[in-house]
PDB file of N, CA and C in Angstrom:
ATOM      1  N   MET A   1       3.179  10.188  84.395  1.00  0.00           N
ATOM      2  CA  MET A   1       4.600   9.274  84.911  1.00  0.00           C
ATOM      3  C   MET A   1       4.378   8.108  83.307  1.00  0.00           C
ATOM      4  N   ALA A   2       5.689   8.267  83.389  1.00  0.00           N
ATOM      5  CA  ALA A   2       6.470   7.616  82.557  1.00  0.00           C
ATOM      6  C   ALA A   2       6.106   6.136  82.537  1.00  0.00           C
ATOM      7  N   ASP A   3       5.869   5.104  81.700  1.00  0.00           N
ATOM      8  CA  ASP A   3       6.797   3.623  82.451  1.00  0.00           C
ATOM      9  C   ASP A   3       7.871   3.443  81.968  1.00  0.00           C
ATOM     10  N   ARG A   4       7.798   2.872  82.296  1.00  0.00           N
ATOM     11  CA  ARG A   4       9.575   2.106  82.182  1.00  0.00           C
ATOM     12  C   ARG A   4       9.590   0.224  82.392  1.00  0.00           C
ATOM     13  N   PRO A   5      10.157  -0.290  81.190  1.00  0.00           N
ATOM     14  CA  PRO A   5       8.909  -1.649  81.173  1.00  0.00           C
ATOM     15  C   PRO A   5      10.941  -2.203  81.234  1.00  0.00           C
ATOM     16  N   ASP A   6      11.359  -1.579  82.264  1.00  0.00           N
ATOM     17  CA  ASP A   6      12.429  -2.688  83.124  1.00  0.00           C
ATOM     18  C   ASP A   6      11.937  -1.874  84.617  1.00  0.00           C
ATOM     19  N   VAL A   7      11.067  -1.639  85.723  1.00  0.00           N
ATOM     20  CA  VAL A   7      10.234  -1.382  86.500  1.00  0.00           C
ATOM     21  C   VAL A   7       9.208  -2.084  86.308  1.00  0.00           C
ATOM     22  N   ARG A   8       9.141  -3.202  87.989  1.00  0.00           N
ATOM     23  CA  ARG A   8       7.509  -3.623  87.937  1.00  0.00           C
ATOM     24  C   ARG A   8       7.341  -2.567  88.932  1.00  0.00           C
ATOM     25  N   TYR A   9       5.797  -2.570  88.511  1.00  0.00           N
ATOM     26  CA  TYR A   9       5.758  -1.215  89.185  1.00  0.00           C
ATOM     27  C   TYR A   9       4.502  -2.009  89.985  1.00  0.00           C
ATOM     28  N   PRO A  10       3.723  -0.821  91.929  1.00  0.00           N
ATOM     29  CA  PRO A  10       2.722  -2.456  91.899  1.00  0.00           C
ATOM     30  C   PRO A  10       0.978  -2.696  91.582  1.00  0.00           C
ATOM     31  N   LYS A  11       0.348  -3.014  91.598  1.00  0.00           N
ATOM     32  CA  LYS A  11      -0.260  -3.771  91.250  1.00  0.00           C
ATOM     33  C   LYS A  11      -1.490  -2.435  91.206  1.00  0.00           C
ATOM     34  N   PHE A  12      -1.491  -1.518  92.869  1.00  0.00           N
ATOM     35  CA  PHE A  12      -1.961  -0.688  93.139  1.00  0.00           C
ATOM     36  C   PHE A  12      -1.367   1.094  93.154  1.00  0.00           C
ATOM     37  N   LYS A  13      -1.106   1.404  91.915  1.00  0.00           N
ATOM     38  CA  LYS A  13      -0.028   2.084  91.561  1.00  0.00           C
ATOM     39  C   LYS A  13      -0.877   3.760  91.400  1.00  0.00           C
ATOM     40  N   GLU A  14      -1.743   3.465  90.928  1.00  0.00           N
ATOM     41  CA  GLU A  14      -2.926   4.365  91.543  1.00  0.00           C
ATOM     42  C   GLU A  14      -3.055   4.993  92.438  1.00  0.00           C
ATOM     43  N   HIS A  15      -3.611   4.067  93.456  1.00  0.00           N
ATOM     44  CA  HIS A  15      -3.571   4.735  94.700  1.00  0.00           C
ATOM     45  C   HIS A  15      -2.342   6.131  94.916  1.00  0.00           C
ATOM     46  N   PHE A  16      -1.323   5.648  94.621  1.00  0.00           N
ATOM     47  CA  PHE A  16       0.473   6.521  94.771  1.00  0.00           C
ATOM     48  C   PHE A  16       0.078   8.617  94.245  1.00  0.00           C
ATOM     49  N   THR A  17       0.635   8.975  95.537  1.00  0.00           N
ATOM     50  CA  THR A  17       0.031  10.651  94.737  1.00  0.00           C
ATOM     51  C   THR A  17       1.219  10.590  93.696  1.00  0.00           C
ATOM     52  N   VAL A  18       2.564  10.605  93.829  1.00  0.00           N
ATOM     53  CA  VAL A  18       3.816  10.860  93.620  1.00  0.00           C
ATOM     54  C   VAL A  18       4.526   9.440  93.891  1.00  0.00           C
ATOM     55  N   LEU A  19       4.814   8.551  92.013  1.00  0.00           N
ATOM     56  CA  LEU A  19       5.962   6.967  91.897  1.00  0.00           C
ATOM     57  C   LEU A  19       6.587   7.306  91.090  1.00  0.00           C
ATOM     58  N   ASP A  20       7.533   7.991  91.235  1.00  0.00           N
ATOM     59  CA  ASP A  20       8.673   8.287  90.272  1.00  0.00           C
ATOM     60  C   ASP A  20      10.174   7.229  90.073  1.00  0.00           C
ATOM     61  N   PHE A  21       9.585   6.695  89.198  1.00  0.00           N
ATOM     62  CA  PHE A  21      11.220   5.556  88.863  1.00  0.00           C
ATOM     63  C   PHE A  21      11.469   6.034  87.792  1.00  0.00           C
ATOM     64  N   SER A  22      12.390   7.816  88.166  1.00  0.00           N
ATOM     65  CA  SER A  22      12.783   8.335  86.819  1.00  0.00           C
ATOM     66  C   SER A  22      14.137   7.609  86.694  1.00  0.00           C
ATOM     67  N   ALA A  23      15.039   7.573  85.656  1.00  0.00           N
ATOM     68  CA  ALA A  23      16.334   7.092  85.062  1.00  0.00           C
ATOM     69  C   ALA A  23      17.139   7.982  85.756  1.00  0.00           C
ATOM     70  N   ASP A  24      16.782   8.445  85.939  1.00  0.00           N
ATOM     71  CA  ASP A  24      18.647  10.031  86.222  1.00  0.00           C
ATOM     72  C   ASP A  24      17.761  10.292  87.825  1.00  0.00           C
ATOM     73  N   ARG A  25      17.552   9.467  89.244  1.00  0.00           N
ATOM     74  CA  ARG A  25      16.950   9.483  90.171  1.00  0.00           C
ATOM     75  C   ARG A  25      17.709   7.719  90.674  1.00  0.00           C
ATOM     76  N   GLU A  26      18.859   8.166  92.198  1.00  0.00           N
ATOM     77  CA  GLU A  26      19.502   6.512  92.368  1.00  0.00           C
ATOM     78  C   GLU A  26      18.406   5.706  93.166  1.00  0.00           C
ATOM     79  N   VAL A  27      17.358   6.310  93.219  1.00  0.00           N
ATOM     80  CA  VAL A  27      16.614   5.581  94.587  1.00  0.00           C
ATOM     81  C   VAL A  27      14.799   6.359  93.580  1.00  0.00           C
ATOM     82  N   PRO A  28      13.934   5.768  93.632  1.00  0.00           N
ATOM     83  CA  PRO A  28      12.577   6.099  93.218  1.00  0.00           C
ATOM     84  C   PRO A  28      11.754   6.778  94.215  1.00  0.00           C
ATOM     85  N   VAL A  29      10.653   8.035  94.586  1.00  0.00           N
ATOM     86  CA  VAL A  29      10.521   8.929  94.714  1.00  0.00           C
ATOM     87  C   VAL A  29       8.983   7.766  95.149  1.00  0.00           C
ATOM     88  N   ILE A  30       8.672   7.687  96.350  1.00  0.00           N
ATOM     89  CA  ILE A  30       7.169   6.647  96.517  1.00  0.00           C
ATOM     90  C   ILE A  30       6.775   7.786  97.620  1.00  0.00           C
ATOM     91  N   SER A  31       5.066   7.945  96.978  1.00  0.00           N
ATOM     92  CA  SER A  31       4.135   8.568  98.222  1.00  0.00           C
ATOM     93  C   SER A  31       3.194   8.362  98.437  1.00  0.00           C
ATOM     94  N   LEU A  32       2.344   7.923  99.506  1.00  0.00           N
ATOM     95  CA  LEU A  32       0.752   8.447  99.091  1.00  0.00           C
ATOM     96  C   LEU A  32      -0.181   9.338  99.396  1.00  0.00           C
ATOM     97  N   PHE A  33       0.858  10.423  99.900  1.00  0.00           N
ATOM     98  CA  PHE A  33       0.304  12.473 100.445  1.00  0.00           C
ATOM     99  C   PHE A  33       1.393  12.225  99.175  1.00  0.00           C
ATOM    100  N   GLY A  34       0.569  13.994  98.799  1.00  0.00           N
ATOM    101  CA  GLY A  34       1.424  14.785  98.094  1.00  0.00           C
ATOM    102  C   GLY A  34       2.836  15.953  98.748  1.00  0.00           C
ATOM    103  N   MET A  35       2.903  15.763  97.696  1.00  0.00           N
ATOM    104  CA  MET A  35       4.528  16.561  98.057  1.00  0.00           C
ATOM    105  C   MET A  35       4.149  18.500  98.562  1.00  0.00           C
ATOM    106  N   PRO A  36       4.786  18.146 100.194  1.00  0.00           N
ATOM    107  CA  PRO A  36       4.288  19.558 100.638  1.00  0.00           C
ATOM    108  C   PRO A  36       4.296  20.592  99.892  1.00  0.00           C
ATOM    109  N   ALA A  37       4.390  22.115 100.144  1.00  0.00           N
ATOM    110  CA  ALA A  37       5.213  23.248  99.836  1.00  0.00           C
ATOM    111  C   ALA A  37       6.368  24.010 100.484  1.00  0.00           C
ATOM    112  N   PRO A  38       7.282  24.026  99.574  1.00  0.00           N
ATOM    113  CA  PRO A  38       8.315  24.597 100.046  1.00  0.00           C
ATOM    114  C   PRO A  38       8.747  25.342 100.780  1.00  0.00           C
ATOM    115  N   LEU A  39       9.141  24.652 102.262  1.00  0.00           N
ATOM    116  CA  LEU A  39       9.620  25.831 103.368  1.00  0.00           C
ATOM    117  C   LEU A  39      10.631  26.759 103.483  1.00  0.00           C
ATOM    118  N   PRO A  40      11.051  27.475 103.600  1.00  0.00           N
ATOM    119  CA  PRO A  40      11.912  27.989 104.501  1.00  0.00           C
ATOM    120  C   PRO A  40      13.344  27.652 105.370  1.00  0.00           C
ATOM    121  N   LYS A  41      14.439  27.651 105.352  1.00  0.00           N
ATOM    122  CA  LYS A  41      15.581  26.543 105.623  1.00  0.00           C
ATOM    123  C   LYS A  41      14.829  27.525 107.549  1.00  0.00           C
ATOM    124  N   GLU A  42      14.656  28.514 107.391  1.00  0.00           N
ATOM    125  CA  GLU A  42      14.984  29.755 108.632  1.00  0.00           C
ATOM    126  C   GLU A  42      13.443  28.726 109.660  1.00  0.00           C
ATOM    127  N   LYS A  43      12.562  28.069 108.865  1.00  0.00           N
ATOM    128  CA  LYS A  43      10.602  28.071 110.017  1.00  0.00           C
ATOM    129  C   LYS A  43      10.855  26.298 109.778  1.00  0.00           C
ATOM    130  N   VAL A  44      11.850  25.937 109.763  1.00  0.00           N
ATOM    131  CA  VAL A  44      12.563  23.857 109.505  1.00  0.00           C
ATOM    132  C   VAL A  44      12.639  24.431 111.271  1.00  0.00           C
ATOM    133  N   GLU A  45      12.056  22.836 111.938  1.00  0.00           N
ATOM    134  CA  GLU A  45      11.779  22.423 112.910  1.00  0.00           C
ATOM    135  C   GLU A  45      12.186  20.807 113.282  1.00  0.00           C
ATOM    136  N   LEU A  46      12.572  20.528 114.385  1.00  0.00           N
ATOM    137  CA  LEU A  46      12.862  19.328 114.063  1.00  0.00           C
ATOM    138  C   LEU A  46      12.660  18.399 115.378  1.00  0.00           C
ATOM    139  N   THR A  47      11.217  18.062 115.454  1.00  0.00           N
ATOM    140  CA  THR A  47      11.689  16.845 117.185  1.00  0.00           C
ATOM    141  C   THR A  47      11.221  16.036 116.918  1.00  0.00           C
ATOM    142  N   VAL A  48      12.400  16.191 117.837  1.00  0.00           N
ATOM    143  CA  VAL A  48      12.942  14.535 118.285  1.00  0.00           C
ATOM    144  C   VAL A  48      12.565  13.949 119.249  1.00  0.00           C
ATOM    145  N   CYS A  49      12.566  12.690 119.530  1.00  0.00           N
ATOM    146  CA  CYS A  49      12.177  11.516 121.220  1.00  0.00           C
ATOM    147  C   CYS A  49      13.564  10.997 121.363  1.00  0.00           C
ATOM    148  N   GLY A  50      14.016  10.944 122.660  1.00  0.00           N
ATOM    149  CA  GLY A  50      15.266   9.878 122.770  1.00  0.00           C
ATOM    150  C   GLY A  50      15.042   8.281 123.466  1.00  0.00           C
ATOM    151  N   LEU A  51      15.637   7.752 123.831  1.00  0.00           N
ATOM    152  CA  LEU A  51      15.526   6.882 124.436  1.00  0.00           C
ATOM    153  C   LEU A  51      15.019   6.876 126.062  1.00  0.00           C
ATOM    154  N   ASP A  52      14.844   8.353 126.371  1.00  0.00           N
ATOM    155  CA  ASP A  52      14.290   8.082 127.384  1.00  0.00           C
ATOM    156  C   ASP A  52      12.707   9.041 127.681  1.00  0.00           C
ATOM    157  N   CYS A  53      12.483   9.202 126.372  1.00  0.00           N
ATOM    158  CA  CYS A  53      10.947   9.256 126.062  1.00  0.00           C
ATOM    159  C   CYS A  53      10.946  11.481 126.193  1.00  0.00           C
ATOM    160  N   LYS A  54      11.965  11.915 126.338  1.00  0.00           N
ATOM    161  CA  LYS A  54      11.859  13.352 126.378  1.00  0.00           C
ATOM    162  C   LYS A  54      11.980  13.841 124.758  1.00  0.00           C
ATOM    163  N   THR A  55      11.108  14.430 124.388  1.00  0.00           N
ATOM    164  CA  THR A  55      11.544  15.308 123.029  1.00  0.00           C
ATOM    165  C   THR A  55      12.228  16.459 123.176  1.00  0.00           C
ATOM    166  N   LYS A  56      12.743  16.822 122.418  1.00  0.00           N
ATOM    167  CA  LYS A  56      13.693  18.034 122.229  1.00  0.00           C
ATOM    168  C   LYS A  56      13.230  18.722 120.695  1.00  0.00           C
ATOM    169  N   MET A  57      13.470  19.602 120.417  1.00  0.00           N
ATOM    170  CA  MET A  57      13.012  20.486 119.545  1.00  0.00           C
ATOM    171  C   MET A  57      14.380  21.355 119.393  1.00  0.00           C
ATOM    172  N   TYR A  58      14.981  20.814 117.636  1.00  0.00           N
ATOM    173  CA  TYR A  58      15.696  21.818 116.886  1.00  0.00           C
ATOM    174  C   TYR A  58      15.039  22.773 115.663  1.00  0.00           C
ATOM    175  N   ARG A  59      15.655  23.643 115.795  1.00  0.00           N
ATOM    176  CA  ARG A  59      16.072  24.590 114.719  1.00  0.00           C
ATOM    177  C   ARG A  59      17.131  25.044 113.821  1.00  0.00           C
ATOM    178  N   TRP A  60      16.463  24.990 112.382  1.00  0.00           N
ATOM    179  CA  TRP A  60      17.760  25.380 111.583  1.00  0.00           C
ATOM    180  C   TRP A  60      19.236  25.571 111.833  1.00  0.00           C
ATOM    181  N   LYS A  61      18.967  26.875 112.968  1.00  0.00           N
ATOM    182  CA  LYS A  61      20.003  27.238 113.464  1.00  0.00           C
ATOM    183  C   LYS A  61      20.512  26.829 114.749  1.00  0.00           C
ATOM    184  N   ASP A  62      19.783  25.602 114.915  1.00  0.00           N
ATOM    185  CA  ASP A  62      20.951  25.099 115.838  1.00  0.00           C
ATOM    186  C   ASP A  62      21.428  24.341 114.830  1.00  0.00           C
ATOM    187  N   LEU A  63      20.636  23.368 113.829  1.00  0.00           N
ATOM    188  CA  LEU A  63      21.232  22.470 113.017  1.00  0.00           C
ATOM    189  C   LEU A  63      22.183  22.728 112.292  1.00  0.00           C
ATOM    190  N   GLU A  64      22.954  23.868 111.469  1.00  0.00           N
ATOM    191  CA  GLU A  64      23.424  24.157 110.825  1.00  0.00           C
ATOM    192  C   GLU A  64      25.374  23.934 111.184  1.00  0.00           C
ATOM    193  N   PRO A  65      25.660  24.696 112.300  1.00  0.00           N
ATOM    194  CA  PRO A  65      27.114  24.068 112.936  1.00  0.00           C
ATOM    195  C   PRO A  65      27.159  22.871 113.407  1.00  0.00           C
ATOM    196  N   THR A  66      26.578  21.978 113.259  1.00  0.00           N
ATOM    197  CA  THR A  66      27.068  20.356 113.112  1.00  0.00           C
ATOM    198  C   THR A  66      27.656  19.823 112.016  1.00  0.00           C
ATOM    199  N   LYS A  67      28.366  19.136 112.117  1.00  0.00           N
ATOM    200  CA  LYS A  67      29.325  18.712 111.358  1.00  0.00           C
ATOM    201  C   LYS A  67      28.604  17.477 109.956  1.00  0.00           C
ATOM    202  N   LYS A  68      28.798  17.689 109.232  1.00  0.00           N
ATOM    203  CA  LYS A  68      28.159  16.894 108.143  1.00  0.00           C
ATOM    204  C   LYS A  68      28.647  15.558 108.014  1.00  0.00           C
ATOM    205  N   LEU A  69      28.188  14.487 107.874  1.00  0.00           N
ATOM    206  CA  LEU A  69      28.200  13.276 107.636  1.00  0.00           C
ATOM    207  C   LEU A  69      27.440  12.587 106.109  1.00  0.00           C
ATOM    208  N   LYS A  70      28.189  12.259 105.550  1.00  0.00           N
ATOM    209  CA  LYS A  70      27.483  12.084 104.080  1.00  0.00           C
ATOM    210  C   LYS A  70      27.866   9.975 104.291  1.00  0.00           C
ATOM    211  N   THR A  71      26.575   9.331 104.052  1.00  0.00           N
ATOM    212  CA  THR A  71      27.149   7.461 103.318  1.00  0.00           C
ATOM    213  C   THR A  71      25.861   7.159 102.995  1.00  0.00           C
ATOM    214  N   ARG A  72      25.858   6.272 102.561  1.00  0.00           N
ATOM    215  CA  ARG A  72      25.451   5.385 101.686  1.00  0.00           C
ATOM    216  C   ARG A  72      24.694   3.976 102.288  1.00  0.00           C
ATOM    217  N   MET A  73      23.449   4.256 102.684  1.00  0.00           N
ATOM    218  CA  MET A  73      22.853   3.273 103.761  1.00  0.00           C
ATOM    219  C   MET A  73      21.422   2.761 102.975  1.00  0.00           C
ATOM    220  N   PRO A  74      21.484   1.443 102.946  1.00  0.00           N
ATOM    221  CA  PRO A  74      20.229   0.661 102.018  1.00  0.00           C
ATOM    222  C   PRO A  74      18.995   1.347 102.423  1.00  0.00           C
ATOM    223  N   LEU A  75      18.019   1.132 101.769  1.00  0.00           N
ATOM    224  CA  LEU A  75      16.636   1.572 101.850  1.00  0.00           C
ATOM    225  C   LEU A  75      15.960   0.685 102.244  1.00  0.00           C
ATOM    226  N   ILE A  76      14.897  -0.002 103.048  1.00  0.00           N
ATOM    227  CA  ILE A  76      14.463  -0.598 103.944  1.00  0.00           C
ATOM    228  C   ILE A  76      13.075  -0.150 104.900  1.00  0.00           C
ATOM    229  N   CYS A  77      12.635   0.034 103.921  1.00  0.00           N
ATOM    230  CA  CYS A  77      10.946  -0.239 104.656  1.00  0.00           C
ATOM    231  C   CYS A  77       9.741  -1.552 104.725  1.00  0.00           C
ATOM    232  N   GLN A  78       8.808  -0.725 105.787  1.00  0.00           N
ATOM    233  CA  GLN A  78       8.595  -2.366 106.032  1.00  0.00           C
ATOM    234  C   GLN A  78       7.579  -1.603 106.223  1.00  0.00           C
TER     235      GLN A  78
END
């Protein structure tokens, strides 16, 4: 990781596996864990839990026909 003078890195930056504030990105990449190996989209599964506390699993083939929506949102971590 190349230090950038315009970025205030956290004091414990050596504990992050990935801490990338590249100038060519809109948002930084920050992770305490290593990045997982690439996964073919046919193997992607998404499990969600609704307000009724019931879980439902979606596979890529279920999500592919879903209408796409693109919007800008702030990244808020708590």
